[in-house]
Amino acid sequence: MTKNENYQKWLLEKLKDHDEAVSYLKSSLEESLKGDEESQQLFLIALRNVAEAQGGVGALAKKAHVGRESLYKTLSGTSNPKWHTLVSLCVAMGLNLRLS
């Protein structure tokens, strides 16, 4: 197993915990607001990691009433999803969106 595979396995295990997942998503959202193209994709990648950790993208697609293939594309880190899609995903994951 490579270091990347070990890290991904470790990360997904940690993200099964709701509080860890929320903290991870908050950090990735904050980082994604820096404005450069690479950092803008971080939140989508983080959402995908949390989805994988908490039952998989297919299960999230059912909860969010989104097509599985469409959701994989949305969370690829290269797409530009609609706000409605992101909100639906967060709600399906049991997350609240708020500013503080």
Protein backbone atom coordinates (compact mmCIF):
# COMPACT_ATOMS: atom_id res chain seq x y z
CA MET A 1 0.00 0.00 0.00
CA THR A 2 1.41 3.42 -0.95
CA LYS A 3 1.65 6.41 1.35
CA ASN A 4 -1.24 8.06 -0.53
CA GLU A 5 -3.43 4.99 -0.10
CA ASN A 6 -2.54 4.82 3.60
CA TYR A 7 -3.35 8.50 4.03
CA GLN A 8 -6.66 8.20 2.15
CA LYS A 9 -7.67 5.20 4.26
CA TRP A 10 -6.72 7.05 7.47
CA LEU A 11 -8.57 10.21 6.33
CA LEU A 12 -11.76 8.35 5.43
CA GLU A 13 -11.71 6.59 8.80
CA LYS A 14 -11.46 9.95 10.62
CA LEU A 15 -14.19 11.50 8.48
CA LYS A 16 -16.71 8.93 9.64
CA ASP A 17 -16.97 11.07 12.78
CA HIS A 18 -19.45 13.92 12.20
CA ASP A 19 -17.47 16.51 14.18
CA GLU A 20 -14.25 15.62 12.34
CA ALA A 21 -16.07 15.88 9.01
CA VAL A 22 -17.49 19.31 9.89
CA SER A 23 -14.08 20.61 10.94
CA TYR A 24 -12.50 19.23 7.76
CA LEU A 25 -15.18 20.83 5.57
CA LYS A 26 -14.87 24.18 7.36
CA SER A 27 -11.11 24.21 6.83
CA SER A 28 -11.41 23.24 3.18
CA LEU A 29 -14.06 25.90 2.55
CA GLU A 30 -11.90 28.55 4.18
CA GLU A 31 -8.93 27.46 2.06
CA SER A 32 -11.03 27.38 -1.11
CA LEU A 33 -11.90 31.06 -0.67
CA LYS A 34 -8.30 32.14 -1.28
CA GLY A 35 -9.18 32.66 -4.91
CA ASP A 36 -6.61 30.72 -6.91
CA GLU A 37 -7.92 28.01 -9.21
CA GLU A 38 -6.39 25.08 -7.34
CA SER A 39 -7.71 26.08 -3.93
CA GLN A 40 -11.19 26.71 -5.33
CA GLN A 41 -11.63 22.99 -5.94
CA LEU A 42 -10.68 21.94 -2.40
CA PHE A 43 -14.19 22.15 -0.98
CA LEU A 44 -15.58 19.84 -3.68
CA ILE A 45 -12.81 17.32 -3.06
CA ALA A 46 -13.46 17.54 0.69
CA LEU A 47 -17.19 16.94 0.13
CA ARG A 48 -16.32 13.86 -1.92
CA ASN A 49 -14.03 12.55 0.84
CA VAL A 50 -16.73 13.03 3.47
CA ALA A 51 -19.30 11.36 1.20
CA GLU A 52 -16.98 8.39 0.70
CA ALA A 53 -16.35 8.12 4.44
CA GLN A 54 -20.03 8.27 5.35
CA GLY A 55 -21.50 5.63 3.09
CA GLY A 56 -20.24 6.44 -0.39
CA VAL A 57 -21.15 8.76 -3.21
CA GLY A 58 -23.91 6.45 -4.45
CA ALA A 59 -25.70 6.58 -1.09
CA LEU A 60 -25.34 10.36 -0.97
CA ALA A 61 -26.75 10.65 -4.50
CA LYS A 62 -29.90 8.82 -3.37
CA LYS A 63 -30.30 11.00 -0.27
CA ALA A 64 -29.77 14.21 -2.25
CA HIS A 65 -31.99 13.06 -5.15
CA VAL A 66 -29.13 13.57 -7.60
CA GLY A 67 -27.95 11.15 -10.27
CA ARG A 68 -24.95 9.09 -9.15
CA GLU A 69 -22.87 9.84 -12.25
CA SER A 70 -23.78 13.50 -12.05
CA LEU A 71 -22.68 13.58 -8.42
CA TYR A 72 -19.35 11.93 -9.22
CA LYS A 73 -18.80 14.63 -11.84
CA THR A 74 -19.85 17.36 -9.41
CA LEU A 75 -17.40 16.13 -6.77
CA SER A 76 -14.55 15.51 -9.19
CA GLY A 77 -12.83 18.74 -8.25
CA THR A 78 -12.95 19.96 -11.84
CA SER A 79 -16.60 20.95 -12.16
CA ASN A 80 -18.47 24.14 -11.40
CA PRO A 81 -21.60 22.92 -9.58
CA LYS A 82 -24.74 24.94 -9.04
CA TRP A 83 -25.37 26.38 -5.60
CA HIS A 84 -28.58 24.34 -5.31
CA THR A 85 -26.60 21.13 -5.82
CA LEU A 86 -24.11 22.01 -3.09
CA VAL A 87 -26.89 22.89 -0.66
CA SER A 88 -28.73 19.65 -1.45
CA LEU A 89 -25.56 17.66 -0.79
CA CYS A 90 -24.89 19.38 2.51
CA VAL A 91 -28.47 18.85 3.69
CA ALA A 92 -28.33 15.18 2.66
CA MET A 93 -25.12 14.81 4.70
CA GLY A 94 -26.80 16.30 7.76
CA LEU A 95 -24.81 19.54 7.59
CA ASN A 96 -25.96 23.10 8.17
CA LEU A 97 -24.64 26.03 6.20
CA ARG A 98 -24.12 29.21 8.18
CA LEU A 99 -21.93 32.25 8.38
CA SER A 100 -20.40 33.39 11.61
